[in-house]
């Protein structure tokens, strides 16, 4: 079973020790930093789904449960908010969440619902109760995007190709096994002698099978290994070893972190890649962004470049939400620097981006060296800052005086970009259309963006005795380029959503699937040095961007009724369409 605290816990760093004829692997390498020792009054949910479980509270060095006497939504709200969920959905009575040990710490609890910690509510006294563990209370917390992972649904992996099914039977029977895997988990409960309680299980495997992966060191003279994992990982080690035999596994969201770590530890690359891809399914679930930031760090440590890119992509697309989250001031310099290099960063405009970077640097204070500040600020694309913001930047910037030379140099580049014709810019050796400084990101401020919410428009409307299709359409009128010299040279774009073949036919089109987004100019720009690289953003439930697509021949086909078609899942395909016009020099 999984013990969850503050969302998906990430036990990430590997510690390896070899002794005698046995090998020891530990999943706890930097556990004290990643999952700090529980403190008095901490709570957790013990269960198999991140947002639901038995309520447990830490007191006097031990985790214990809470009796359900007197519980209603007020108590549940306190627990869920303490765990950084938006709120509570339900109180659960009488459900078996698995083996329970330790005392019943709280009984006859009474909360107002506004307390910050469960231990601040009124109760009789620690450990005073007439309940049994059959009365342990559970709660279901509200998540920012409910049902995204469909209560830990299974994902089947099958790379068995021509492998015999008998390999699974050999593992299950343990007949002729000659290599012992001892799996240890340190409980957070403290025993009477002051040591942590350790839970052990054994798996008997075959050297011949494990020898395909040298990191098991299942060679002559080595007869066993000890693998130390977190409590939440222990039930999934058997699944991992069985995968090595069969190349098949059913992976749940509750097991993928453990399986990914084990695959990384023992060099099972195919399984590591597959489980790494599944992480993208949970990225939208944590509105606090703690999970996404932790997963990015984990990806760097394990060298999983696919997972690293998935994390960066989600954070870049949802940068505004990140800057307003509890995780924002704690993100690493490396993460912020990586985001600032991306052209798929979604922001209202470049000036807003500069303001967020300045506020992050100020929040860090003297902990960020001046040369690091300089490096981060130099990644701002000053030529892309709206011209009206450039003039006052010297007076409005909080870091201008500390980095005066940098700002003056970048402002000069920005003024040149806004005042010189393309032919004059090309004569400057520092100017290049390939230089990131002159590349647009995805700017959503007016006039470059418009939104269509198709769900609010019925397919047809009845007029007297006939029906007429309702067009979902809007227009943008924008300069042909974001340089100031083109301010009055404008172009109109039509954005619409086509939901069936009839609507496509009405516009002289043949569409291969539906819905399809269309963004086209009413007249073609005459400047041969300007190219439009427009984008379609899908905003899920008004909360996060789940997909970004380009337009091919002014069309963008959207995958619906199959969340696999989206980069990040969106329940029931409830999204709005954001059209972004992006001109640039070529």
Protein backbone atom coordinates (compact mmCIF):
# COMPACT_ATOMS: atom_id res chain seq x y z
CA UNK A 1 0.00 0.00 0.00
CA UNK A 2 1.07 3.56 -0.53
CA UNK A 3 1.56 6.17 2.15
CA UNK A 4 0.99 9.51 0.46
CA UNK A 5 1.99 12.84 1.90
CA UNK A 6 1.66 16.13 0.05
CA UNK A 7 0.84 14.48 -3.27
CA UNK A 8 3.11 12.00 -4.99
CA UNK A 9 6.16 11.55 -2.75
CA UNK A 10 9.40 11.34 -4.71
CA UNK A 11 12.07 9.13 -3.22
CA UNK A 12 14.66 9.54 -5.83
CA UNK A 13 18.40 9.29 -5.19
CA UNK A 14 20.31 6.02 -5.41
CA UNK A 15 22.81 4.86 -2.80
CA UNK A 16 24.86 1.76 -3.58
CA UNK A 17 26.98 -0.31 -1.24
CA UNK A 18 28.65 -3.68 -1.86
CA UNK A 19 29.67 -6.04 0.89
CA UNK A 20 30.91 -9.66 0.81
CA UNK A 21 28.80 -11.98 -1.30
CA UNK A 22 25.76 -9.72 -1.18
CA UNK A 23 24.89 -6.44 -2.82
CA UNK A 24 22.77 -3.70 -1.27
CA UNK A 25 20.73 -1.12 -3.12
CA UNK A 26 18.98 1.70 -1.33
CA UNK A 27 16.15 3.87 -2.50
CA UNK A 28 16.61 6.24 0.39
CA UNK A 29 19.82 7.98 -0.74
CA UNK A 30 18.75 11.55 0.03
CA UNK A 31 15.50 10.74 1.78
CA UNK A 32 16.04 13.20 4.63
CA UNK A 33 16.14 16.10 2.17
CA UNK A 34 13.39 14.95 -0.20
CA UNK A 35 11.00 13.55 2.40
CA UNK A 36 12.03 15.28 5.61
CA UNK A 37 11.46 13.45 8.87
CA UNK A 38 7.81 13.74 9.92
CA UNK A 39 7.11 16.45 12.43
CA UNK A 40 4.71 16.57 15.33
CA UNK A 41 1.17 17.01 14.00
CA UNK A 42 1.91 16.06 10.37
CA UNK A 43 -0.86 14.14 8.61
CA UNK A 44 -0.89 11.72 5.68
CA UNK A 45 -3.32 9.60 3.69
CA UNK A 46 -2.55 5.88 3.62
CA UNK A 47 -4.06 4.31 0.50
CA UNK A 48 -3.56 3.49 -3.17
CA UNK A 49 -4.80 6.75 -4.67
CA UNK A 50 -3.01 10.02 -4.07
CA UNK A 51 -6.09 11.91 -2.87
CA UNK A 52 -7.80 9.19 -0.80
CA UNK A 53 -6.77 7.14 2.18
CA UNK A 54 -6.86 6.42 5.89
CA UNK A 55 -6.10 9.55 7.91
CA UNK A 56 -2.93 9.17 9.96
CA UNK A 57 -1.28 11.72 12.23
CA UNK A 58 2.26 11.85 13.63
CA UNK A 59 2.70 12.20 17.39
CA UNK A 60 5.39 11.26 19.87
CA UNK A 61 7.58 9.69 17.16
CA UNK A 62 4.88 7.41 15.74
CA UNK A 63 2.19 7.47 13.08
CA UNK A 64 -1.27 6.67 14.37
CA UNK A 65 -4.84 6.70 13.12
CA UNK A 66 -7.93 8.77 13.92
CA UNK A 67 -11.31 7.41 15.06
CA UNK A 68 -14.29 8.33 12.90
CA UNK A 69 -16.53 9.36 15.84
CA UNK A 70 -18.07 12.76 15.13
CA UNK A 71 -16.43 13.21 11.75
CA UNK A 72 -18.03 15.28 9.01
CA UNK A 73 -16.80 17.54 6.19
CA UNK A 74 -15.33 20.13 8.57
CA UNK A 75 -12.70 17.67 9.80
CA UNK A 76 -12.09 16.40 6.26
CA UNK A 77 -11.52 19.94 4.97
CA UNK A 78 -8.82 20.52 7.59
CA UNK A 79 -6.98 17.31 6.64
CA UNK A 80 -7.11 17.99 2.90
CA UNK A 81 -5.99 21.60 3.19
CA UNK A 82 -3.13 20.58 5.48
CA UNK A 83 -2.04 18.23 2.69
CA UNK A 84 -2.29 21.13 0.17
CA UNK A 85 -5.34 19.81 -1.66
CA UNK A 86 -7.94 22.43 -2.68
CA UNK A 87 -10.52 20.87 -0.36
CA UNK A 88 -12.37 17.70 0.61
CA UNK A 89 -14.90 15.64 -1.34
CA UNK A 90 -16.02 13.07 1.25
CA UNK A 91 -15.48 11.36 4.59
CA UNK A 92 -15.01 7.57 4.34
CA UNK A 93 -16.27 5.27 7.11
CA UNK A 94 -15.40 1.60 7.56
CA UNK A 95 -13.17 1.16 4.51
CA UNK A 96 -10.19 -1.18 4.75
CA UNK A 97 -7.14 0.66 3.43
CA UNK A 98 -4.77 -2.18 4.30
CA UNK A 99 -2.65 -3.28 7.22
CA UNK A 100 -2.57 -0.82 10.07
CA UNK A 101 -0.15 -0.60 12.96
CA UNK A 102 0.37 1.94 15.66
CA UNK A 103 -2.00 3.60 18.09
CA UNK A 104 -5.27 5.42 17.56
CA UNK A 105 -4.11 8.90 18.43
CA UNK A 106 -7.32 10.95 18.16
CA UNK A 107 -10.95 10.41 19.12
CA UNK A 108 -14.01 12.62 19.55
CA UNK A 109 -12.43 15.21 17.26
CA UNK A 110 -14.28 18.46 16.62
CA UNK A 111 -13.11 20.98 14.01
CA UNK A 112 -14.55 24.30 12.90
CA UNK A 113 -13.21 23.63 9.40
CA UNK A 114 -10.95 26.70 9.40
CA UNK A 115 -8.01 25.22 11.32
CA UNK A 116 -4.64 25.01 9.56
CA UNK A 117 -3.68 21.73 11.25
CA UNK A 118 -5.75 18.78 12.42
CA UNK A 119 -3.97 18.84 15.79
CA UNK A 120 -5.42 22.34 16.39
CA UNK A 121 -8.95 20.91 16.50
CA UNK A 122 -10.56 20.01 19.81
CA UNK A 123 -10.16 16.41 21.02
CA UNK A 124 -10.08 14.51 24.28
CA UNK A 125 -6.37 13.74 24.64
CA UNK A 126 -3.65 12.01 22.64
CA UNK A 127 -4.20 8.25 22.63
CA UNK A 128 -7.39 8.32 24.69
CA UNK A 129 -10.06 6.35 22.79
CA UNK A 130 -12.63 3.60 23.01
CA UNK A 131 -12.39 2.83 19.25
CA UNK A 132 -10.84 -0.06 17.36
CA UNK A 133 -8.95 0.19 14.06
CA UNK A 134 -12.17 -0.85 12.28
CA UNK A 135 -13.33 2.70 13.03
CA UNK A 136 -10.31 4.43 11.49
CA UNK A 137 -11.54 7.34 9.39
CA UNK A 138 -10.64 7.99 5.77
CA UNK A 139 -11.10 11.00 3.51
CA UNK A 140 -11.28 11.72 -0.20
CA UNK A 141 -9.63 15.03 -1.07
CA UNK A 142 -10.51 17.23 -4.00
CA UNK A 143 -7.83 17.42 -6.67
CA UNK A 144 -7.33 20.36 -9.01
CA UNK A 145 -8.38 18.18 -11.95
CA UNK A 146 -10.53 15.30 -10.74
CA UNK A 147 -10.54 11.93 -12.47
CA UNK A 148 -7.49 12.63 -14.64
CA UNK A 149 -5.90 9.35 -13.67
CA UNK A 150 -9.25 7.58 -13.36
CA UNK A 151 -8.52 6.27 -9.86
CA UNK A 152 -5.22 4.68 -10.70
CA UNK A 153 -6.19 2.98 -13.96
CA UNK A 154 -3.84 0.36 -15.38
CA UNK A 155 -1.61 0.75 -18.43
CA UNK A 156 -0.46 -2.51 -19.99
CA UNK A 157 3.09 -2.81 -21.33
CA UNK A 158 3.98 -5.73 -23.55
CA UNK A 159 7.43 -6.13 -25.11
CA UNK A 160 7.37 -9.91 -24.92
CA UNK A 161 7.49 -10.36 -28.74
CA UNK A 162 8.43 -14.06 -29.06
CA UNK A 163 9.14 -14.76 -25.38
CA UNK A 164 7.42 -17.81 -24.00
CA UNK A 165 4.63 -17.43 -21.44
CA UNK A 166 6.42 -20.13 -19.47
CA UNK A 167 8.90 -17.53 -18.25
CA UNK A 168 6.19 -16.00 -16.08
CA UNK A 169 5.29 -19.44 -14.74
CA UNK A 170 8.94 -20.08 -13.90
CA UNK A 171 9.08 -16.87 -11.88
CA UNK A 172 5.76 -17.50 -10.13
CA UNK A 173 6.73 -21.05 -9.10
CA UNK A 174 10.30 -20.13 -8.01
CA UNK A 175 11.34 -23.66 -9.06
CA UNK A 176 15.13 -23.88 -9.31
CA UNK A 177 15.65 -20.29 -8.21
CA UNK A 178 19.20 -19.55 -7.08
CA UNK A 179 19.30 -15.82 -6.35
CA UNK A 180 17.63 -14.21 -3.32
CA UNK A 181 16.39 -10.63 -3.41
CA UNK A 182 15.74 -9.26 0.07
CA UNK A 183 13.46 -6.20 -0.05
CA UNK A 184 13.58 -3.96 3.01
CA UNK A 185 11.41 -0.99 3.91
CA UNK A 186 12.03 1.26 6.88
CA UNK A 187 8.79 2.15 8.61
CA UNK A 188 8.35 5.65 9.97
CA UNK A 189 7.32 4.12 13.30
CA UNK A 190 9.98 4.18 16.00
CA UNK A 191 10.44 1.05 18.11
CA UNK A 192 10.96 1.02 21.86
CA UNK A 193 14.75 0.86 21.44
CA UNK A 194 14.70 4.03 19.33
CA UNK A 195 15.34 2.31 15.98
CA UNK A 196 13.02 2.38 12.99
CA UNK A 197 10.81 -0.62 12.36
CA UNK A 198 11.95 -2.52 9.22
CA UNK A 199 9.61 -4.60 7.06
CA UNK A 200 11.20 -7.34 4.91
CA UNK A 201 10.03 -9.49 2.01
CA UNK A 202 11.95 -12.02 -0.10
CA UNK A 203 11.89 -12.78 -3.82
CA UNK A 204 13.68 -15.82 -5.20
CA UNK A 205 14.86 -15.39 -8.81
CA UNK A 206 17.15 -17.06 -11.33
CA UNK A 207 20.68 -15.85 -12.04
CA UNK A 208 20.40 -16.81 -15.69
CA UNK A 209 17.47 -14.41 -16.20
CA UNK A 210 18.90 -11.56 -14.13
CA UNK A 211 22.33 -11.81 -15.74
CA UNK A 212 20.96 -9.93 -18.77
CA UNK A 213 21.19 -6.83 -16.58
CA UNK A 214 24.71 -6.52 -15.13
CA UNK A 215 23.68 -4.11 -12.37
CA UNK A 216 22.05 -7.02 -10.53
CA UNK A 217 25.57 -8.47 -10.28
CA UNK A 218 23.99 -11.94 -10.38
CA UNK A 219 27.32 -13.57 -11.08
CA UNK A 220 29.13 -16.53 -9.62
CA UNK A 221 29.88 -15.94 -5.96
CA UNK A 222 27.03 -13.47 -5.51
CA UNK A 223 23.93 -15.25 -4.25
CA UNK A 224 21.76 -12.43 -2.98
CA UNK A 225 21.15 -8.71 -2.94
CA UNK A 226 19.39 -6.41 -0.52
CA UNK A 227 17.20 -3.71 -2.02
CA UNK A 228 16.06 -1.00 0.39
CA UNK A 229 12.99 0.88 -0.81
CA UNK A 230 10.36 3.15 0.63
CA UNK A 231 7.25 1.53 2.09
CA UNK A 232 5.22 2.70 -0.89
CA UNK A 233 7.54 0.92 -3.31
CA UNK A 234 7.83 -2.45 -1.59
CA UNK A 235 4.68 -4.07 -3.08
CA UNK A 236 5.85 -3.28 -6.62
CA UNK A 237 9.30 -4.88 -6.56
CA UNK A 238 7.75 -8.25 -7.46
CA UNK A 239 6.08 -6.66 -10.51
CA UNK A 240 9.47 -5.29 -11.56
CA UNK A 241 11.28 -8.62 -11.28
CA UNK A 242 8.45 -10.42 -13.08
CA UNK A 243 8.73 -7.88 -15.93
CA UNK A 244 12.36 -8.90 -16.40
CA UNK A 245 11.15 -12.47 -17.01
CA UNK A 246 8.12 -11.72 -19.20
CA UNK A 247 8.63 -8.17 -20.56
CA UNK A 248 5.02 -7.57 -19.57
CA UNK A 249 3.55 -5.43 -16.79
CA UNK A 250 0.36 -3.67 -15.82
CA UNK A 251 1.42 -0.28 -14.50
CA UNK A 252 -0.76 1.90 -12.30
CA UNK A 253 -0.05 5.53 -11.49
CA UNK A 254 0.62 4.48 -7.91
CA UNK A 255 3.35 2.07 -9.01
CA UNK A 256 5.04 3.90 -11.88
CA UNK A 257 7.43 5.97 -9.73
CA UNK A 258 8.72 2.85 -8.04
CA UNK A 259 9.02 0.89 -11.30
CA UNK A 260 10.77 3.81 -13.00
CA UNK A 261 13.29 4.06 -10.15
CA UNK A 262 13.96 0.32 -10.16
CA UNK A 263 14.34 0.32 -13.95
CA UNK A 264 16.82 3.19 -13.67
CA UNK A 265 18.70 1.50 -10.83
CA UNK A 266 19.14 -1.84 -12.62
CA UNK A 267 19.48 -0.55 -16.17
CA UNK A 268 16.19 -1.83 -17.59
CA UNK A 269 16.01 0.96 -20.17
CA UNK A 270 12.86 -0.07 -22.04
CA UNK A 271 10.78 -0.13 -18.86
CA UNK A 272 12.32 3.15 -17.72
CA UNK A 273 11.31 4.83 -20.99
CA UNK A 274 7.76 3.48 -20.86
CA UNK A 275 7.13 4.46 -17.27
CA UNK A 276 8.78 7.83 -17.89
CA UNK A 277 6.20 8.60 -20.58
CA UNK A 278 3.36 7.83 -18.17
CA UNK A 279 4.45 10.66 -15.88
CA UNK A 280 2.98 13.12 -18.38
CA UNK A 281 -0.47 11.81 -17.36
CA UNK A 282 -0.12 13.09 -13.79
CA UNK A 283 1.60 16.41 -14.47
CA UNK A 284 -1.66 18.42 -14.61
CA UNK A 285 -2.90 17.04 -11.28
CA UNK A 286 -0.85 19.14 -8.89
CA UNK A 287 -1.92 22.80 -8.88
CA UNK A 288 0.84 23.56 -6.36
CA UNK A 289 3.45 22.51 -8.99
CA UNK A 290 5.49 20.69 -6.33
CA UNK A 291 5.16 17.40 -8.24
CA UNK A 292 6.21 18.87 -11.59
CA UNK A 293 9.26 20.62 -10.09
CA UNK A 294 10.28 17.49 -8.16
CA UNK A 295 9.86 15.30 -11.23
CA UNK A 296 12.09 17.65 -13.24
CA UNK A 297 14.83 17.29 -10.63
CA UNK A 298 14.31 13.53 -10.57
CA UNK A 299 14.60 13.39 -14.38
CA UNK A 300 17.96 15.16 -14.22
CA UNK A 301 19.26 12.75 -11.60
CA UNK A 302 18.16 9.64 -13.48
CA UNK A 303 19.20 10.97 -16.90
CA UNK A 304 15.69 10.48 -18.29
CA UNK A 305 15.70 13.06 -21.08
CA UNK A 306 12.13 12.26 -22.18
CA UNK A 307 10.78 12.89 -18.68
CA UNK A 308 12.91 16.04 -18.40
CA UNK A 309 11.46 17.40 -21.65
CA UNK A 310 7.89 16.50 -20.63
CA UNK A 311 8.31 18.41 -17.37
CA UNK A 312 9.88 21.43 -19.08
CA UNK A 313 7.16 21.42 -21.72
CA UNK A 314 4.34 21.39 -19.18
CA UNK A 315 6.00 24.11 -17.08
CA UNK A 316 6.67 26.27 -20.16
CA UNK A 317 3.11 25.95 -21.43
CA UNK A 318 1.72 26.74 -17.97
CA UNK A 319 4.33 29.26 -16.91
CA UNK A 320 1.82 31.79 -15.56
CA UNK A 321 0.28 29.19 -13.24
CA UNK A 322 3.78 28.22 -12.10
CA UNK A 323 4.64 31.82 -11.15
CA UNK A 324 1.54 32.00 -8.95
CA UNK A 325 2.12 28.63 -7.26
CA UNK A 326 3.79 27.81 -3.91
CA UNK A 327 6.63 26.14 -5.84
CA UNK A 328 7.63 29.27 -7.79
CA UNK A 329 10.12 30.80 -5.35
CA UNK A 330 11.70 27.39 -4.74
CA UNK A 331 12.47 26.38 -8.32
CA UNK A 332 16.14 25.94 -9.12
CA UNK A 333 18.29 28.32 -11.15
CA UNK A 334 18.78 25.52 -13.67
CA UNK A 335 15.03 25.04 -14.13
CA UNK A 336 14.32 28.75 -14.54
CA UNK A 337 17.24 29.10 -16.95
CA UNK A 338 16.00 26.17 -19.04
CA UNK A 339 12.50 27.65 -19.26
CA UNK A 340 13.86 31.02 -20.40
CA UNK A 341 15.58 29.35 -23.35
CA UNK A 342 12.32 28.00 -24.76
CA UNK A 343 10.30 29.52 -27.59
CA UNK A 344 7.19 27.54 -26.55
CA UNK A 345 7.03 29.49 -23.29
CA UNK A 346 3.46 30.81 -23.00
CA UNK A 347 3.24 34.32 -21.48
CA UNK A 348 1.11 37.42 -22.10
CA UNK A 349 4.20 39.22 -23.43
CA UNK A 350 7.96 39.43 -22.92
CA UNK A 351 7.71 42.31 -20.46
CA UNK A 352 5.53 40.21 -18.15
CA UNK A 353 8.19 37.50 -18.39
CA UNK A 354 10.91 39.98 -17.40
CA UNK A 355 8.85 41.06 -14.38
CA UNK A 356 8.47 37.47 -13.16
CA UNK A 357 12.22 36.84 -13.46
CA UNK A 358 13.02 40.07 -11.61
CA UNK A 359 10.58 39.15 -8.81
CA UNK A 360 12.12 35.67 -8.54
CA UNK A 361 15.62 37.14 -8.25
CA UNK A 362 14.45 39.66 -5.65
CA UNK A 363 12.74 36.92 -3.64
CA UNK A 364 16.00 34.97 -3.57
CA UNK A 365 17.93 38.01 -2.36
CA UNK A 366 21.67 37.63 -1.92
CA UNK A 367 21.48 33.85 -2.42
CA UNK A 368 21.63 34.38 -6.21
CA UNK A 369 25.09 35.67 -7.29
CA UNK A 370 25.19 38.70 -9.58
CA UNK A 371 26.70 36.72 -12.46
CA UNK A 372 23.83 34.21 -12.22
CA UNK A 373 21.31 37.06 -12.19
CA UNK A 374 23.05 38.47 -15.25
CA UNK A 375 22.81 35.12 -17.05
CA UNK A 376 19.09 34.78 -16.32
CA UNK A 377 18.28 38.35 -17.36
CA UNK A 378 20.27 37.97 -20.57
CA UNK A 379 17.84 35.23 -21.62
CA UNK A 380 14.99 37.73 -21.74
CA UNK A 381 14.28 38.63 -25.37
CA UNK A 382 14.33 42.42 -25.01
CA UNK A 383 13.54 43.07 -28.72
CA UNK A 384 10.27 41.21 -28.15
CA UNK A 385 9.20 43.49 -25.27
CA UNK A 386 6.29 45.69 -26.42
CA UNK A 387 7.66 49.07 -27.51
CA UNK A 388 5.45 51.00 -25.10
CA UNK A 389 7.06 49.18 -22.16
CA UNK A 390 10.64 49.82 -23.27
CA UNK A 391 10.66 53.56 -22.56
CA UNK A 392 9.68 53.21 -18.90
CA UNK A 393 11.69 50.06 -18.26
CA UNK A 394 14.58 52.01 -16.72
CA UNK A 395 12.21 53.47 -14.12
CA UNK A 396 10.02 50.41 -13.54
CA UNK A 397 12.67 47.71 -13.39
CA UNK A 398 13.70 46.73 -9.88
CA UNK A 399 17.09 45.42 -11.05
CA UNK A 400 18.06 48.10 -13.57
CA UNK A 401 20.59 49.79 -11.27
CA UNK A 402 22.23 46.46 -10.36
CA UNK A 403 22.66 45.44 -14.01
CA UNK A 404 22.75 48.82 -15.73
CA UNK A 405 25.20 47.83 -18.48
CA UNK A 406 23.20 44.73 -19.42
CA UNK A 407 19.90 46.62 -19.54
CA UNK A 408 21.37 49.45 -21.60
CA UNK A 409 22.90 47.02 -24.11
CA UNK A 410 19.66 45.05 -24.42
CA UNK A 411 17.52 48.19 -24.68
CA UNK A 412 19.69 49.43 -27.53
CA UNK A 413 19.11 46.15 -29.38
CA UNK A 414 15.38 46.46 -28.73
CA UNK A 415 15.22 50.07 -30.01
CA UNK A 416 17.11 49.11 -33.16
CA UNK A 417 14.73 46.19 -33.76
CA UNK A 418 11.70 48.45 -33.38
CA UNK A 419 12.97 51.40 -35.45
CA UNK A 420 15.00 49.90 -38.30
CA UNK A 421 13.80 48.25 -41.47
CA UNK A 422 14.72 44.63 -42.01
CA UNK A 423 17.24 45.60 -44.69
CA UNK A 424 19.02 47.86 -42.19
CA UNK A 425 18.93 45.25 -39.44
CA UNK A 426 20.64 42.71 -41.71
CA UNK A 427 23.63 45.02 -42.04
CA UNK A 428 24.24 44.71 -38.29
CA UNK A 429 26.59 41.74 -37.70
CA UNK A 430 24.90 41.06 -34.34
CA UNK A 431 21.50 40.58 -35.97
CA UNK A 432 20.39 37.15 -37.13
CA UNK A 433 16.93 35.77 -37.69
CA UNK A 434 18.25 32.57 -36.07
CA UNK A 435 19.19 34.41 -32.86
CA UNK A 436 16.75 33.54 -30.07
CA UNK A 437 16.63 37.20 -29.03
CA UNK A 438 14.67 37.93 -32.21
CA UNK A 439 12.36 34.91 -31.99
CA UNK A 440 8.84 35.27 -30.62
CA UNK A 441 7.57 33.06 -27.85
CA UNK A 442 3.84 32.32 -27.56
CA UNK A 443 2.33 35.66 -26.51
CA UNK A 444 -1.31 35.57 -25.41
CA UNK A 445 -1.91 39.28 -24.73
CA UNK A 446 -4.03 41.39 -27.07
CA UNK A 447 -3.95 41.79 -30.00
CA UNK A 448 -2.03 38.59 -30.75
CA UNK A 449 -4.51 36.10 -29.31
CA UNK A 450 -8.21 35.27 -29.26
CA UNK A 451 -10.28 32.55 -27.59
CA UNK A 452 -13.17 30.38 -28.79
CA UNK A 453 -15.20 28.21 -26.43
CA UNK A 454 -16.98 25.85 -28.80
CA UNK A 455 -18.97 24.06 -26.11
CA UNK A 456 -21.12 27.16 -25.54
CA UNK A 457 -22.32 27.30 -29.15
CA UNK A 458 -25.07 24.86 -30.24
CA UNK A 459 -24.51 23.06 -33.53
CA UNK A 460 -27.71 24.43 -35.08
CA UNK A 461 -30.36 27.04 -34.36
CA UNK A 462 -33.98 26.78 -35.54
CA UNK A 463 -35.42 29.67 -37.55
CA UNK A 464 -39.16 29.24 -38.20
CA UNK A 465 -39.34 25.96 -40.13
CA UNK A 466 -35.68 25.36 -40.86
CA UNK A 467 -32.38 24.86 -39.04
CA UNK A 468 -29.19 26.75 -39.68
CA UNK A 469 -25.65 25.74 -38.72
CA UNK A 470 -24.05 28.11 -36.21
CA UNK A 471 -20.60 29.24 -37.20
CA UNK A 472 -18.02 29.42 -34.42
CA UNK A 473 -15.91 32.28 -35.62
CA UNK A 474 -14.02 35.36 -34.47
CA UNK A 475 -11.46 37.77 -35.91
CA UNK A 476 -8.11 39.26 -34.97
CA UNK A 477 -6.69 42.47 -36.37
CA UNK A 478 -2.97 42.63 -35.75
CA UNK A 479 0.14 44.39 -37.10
CA UNK A 480 1.92 42.33 -39.73
CA UNK A 481 4.93 42.29 -37.38
CA UNK A 482 5.61 43.16 -33.74
CA UNK A 483 8.24 45.76 -34.67
CA UNK A 484 7.00 49.29 -33.96
CA UNK A 485 7.53 50.40 -37.57
CA UNK A 486 4.67 48.08 -38.60
CA UNK A 487 2.26 49.37 -35.96
CA UNK A 488 -0.16 50.79 -38.54
CA UNK A 489 0.38 48.11 -41.17
CA UNK A 490 -2.24 45.61 -40.08
CA UNK A 491 -3.75 42.35 -41.22
CA UNK A 492 -7.03 40.64 -40.28
CA UNK A 493 -7.21 36.96 -39.40
CA UNK A 494 -10.33 34.80 -39.18
CA UNK A 495 -10.36 32.08 -36.51
CA UNK A 496 -13.05 29.42 -36.49
CA UNK A 497 -13.87 25.89 -35.35
CA UNK A 498 -15.36 23.47 -37.89
CA UNK A 499 -17.32 20.61 -36.30
CA UNK A 500 -18.62 18.61 -39.26
CA UNK A 501 -18.27 18.12 -42.99
CA UNK A 502 -21.15 20.50 -43.73
CA UNK A 503 -19.32 23.37 -42.06
CA UNK A 504 -16.16 22.47 -43.97
CA UNK A 505 -18.04 22.29 -47.26
CA UNK A 506 -19.60 25.70 -46.63
CA UNK A 507 -16.06 27.10 -46.66
CA UNK A 508 -14.98 25.12 -49.71
CA UNK A 509 -12.91 22.69 -47.66
CA UNK A 510 -12.65 18.93 -47.26
CA UNK A 511 -11.77 17.97 -43.69
CA UNK A 512 -10.42 14.57 -42.71
CA UNK A 513 -11.56 14.68 -39.05
CA UNK A 514 -13.38 16.87 -36.57
CA UNK A 515 -13.18 19.24 -34.88
CA UNK A 516 -10.66 21.24 -36.86
CA UNK A 517 -9.41 24.74 -36.05
CA UNK A 518 -8.80 27.15 -38.90
CA UNK A 519 -6.86 30.42 -38.80
CA UNK A 520 -6.44 32.24 -42.09
CA UNK A 521 -5.64 35.80 -43.24
CA UNK A 522 -8.29 37.79 -45.09
CA UNK A 523 -5.52 39.20 -47.25
CA UNK A 524 -1.99 37.96 -47.71
CA UNK A 525 0.87 40.11 -46.35
CA UNK A 526 3.09 41.55 -49.06
CA UNK A 527 6.34 41.59 -47.06
CA UNK A 528 8.45 38.63 -48.19
CA UNK A 529 10.66 38.86 -45.09
CA UNK A 530 7.80 38.08 -42.68
CA UNK A 531 6.54 34.56 -41.93
CA UNK A 532 3.69 33.63 -39.58
CA UNK A 533 4.24 30.66 -37.28
CA UNK A 534 0.82 30.62 -35.62
CA UNK A 535 -0.18 28.29 -32.81
CA UNK A 536 -3.34 26.74 -31.41
CA UNK A 537 -3.48 26.29 -27.63
CA UNK A 538 -5.98 23.95 -25.98
CA UNK A 539 -6.85 25.16 -22.49
CA UNK A 540 -8.35 22.35 -20.37
CA UNK A 541 -11.30 23.39 -18.23
CA UNK A 542 -9.87 26.90 -18.03
CA UNK A 543 -7.08 25.59 -15.81
CA UNK A 544 -4.05 24.46 -17.78
CA UNK A 545 -2.77 24.15 -21.34
CA UNK A 546 -2.86 20.51 -22.40
CA UNK A 547 -1.86 20.82 -26.06
CA UNK A 548 -0.12 23.22 -28.44
CA UNK A 549 -0.31 22.66 -32.21
CA UNK A 550 0.90 24.51 -35.26
CA UNK A 551 -1.23 25.18 -38.32
CA UNK A 552 -0.62 23.38 -41.59
CA UNK A 553 -2.25 25.12 -44.52
CA UNK A 554 -4.05 27.25 -41.92
CA UNK A 555 -5.66 24.11 -40.38
CA UNK A 556 -5.10 22.30 -37.07
CA UNK A 557 -6.85 18.96 -36.46
CA UNK A 558 -7.66 18.20 -32.83
CA UNK A 559 -7.70 14.71 -31.32
CA UNK A 560 -10.83 14.20 -29.21
CA UNK A 561 -12.48 11.28 -27.40
CA UNK A 562 -9.02 9.85 -26.79
CA UNK A 563 -6.85 11.60 -24.25
CA UNK A 564 -3.88 9.70 -25.70
CA UNK A 565 -4.03 12.16 -28.59
CA UNK A 566 -3.26 15.08 -26.29
CA UNK A 567 0.16 15.82 -24.85
CA UNK A 568 -1.39 16.10 -21.38
CA UNK A 569 -4.80 14.59 -20.50
CA UNK A 570 -7.98 16.63 -20.36
CA UNK A 571 -11.09 14.98 -18.87
CA UNK A 572 -13.90 14.66 -21.41
CA UNK A 573 -11.99 16.94 -23.82
CA UNK A 574 -13.36 20.01 -22.06
CA UNK A 575 -11.10 22.63 -23.54
CA UNK A 576 -11.25 26.07 -25.09
CA UNK A 577 -9.33 27.07 -28.21
CA UNK A 578 -6.74 29.85 -28.02
CA UNK A 579 -5.49 31.15 -31.38
CA UNK A 580 -2.13 32.93 -31.32
CA UNK A 581 -0.67 34.89 -34.27
CA UNK A 582 3.16 34.83 -34.30
CA UNK A 583 4.94 36.89 -36.99
CA UNK A 584 8.71 36.79 -37.41
CA UNK A 585 11.47 37.77 -39.76
CA UNK A 586 12.93 35.17 -42.12
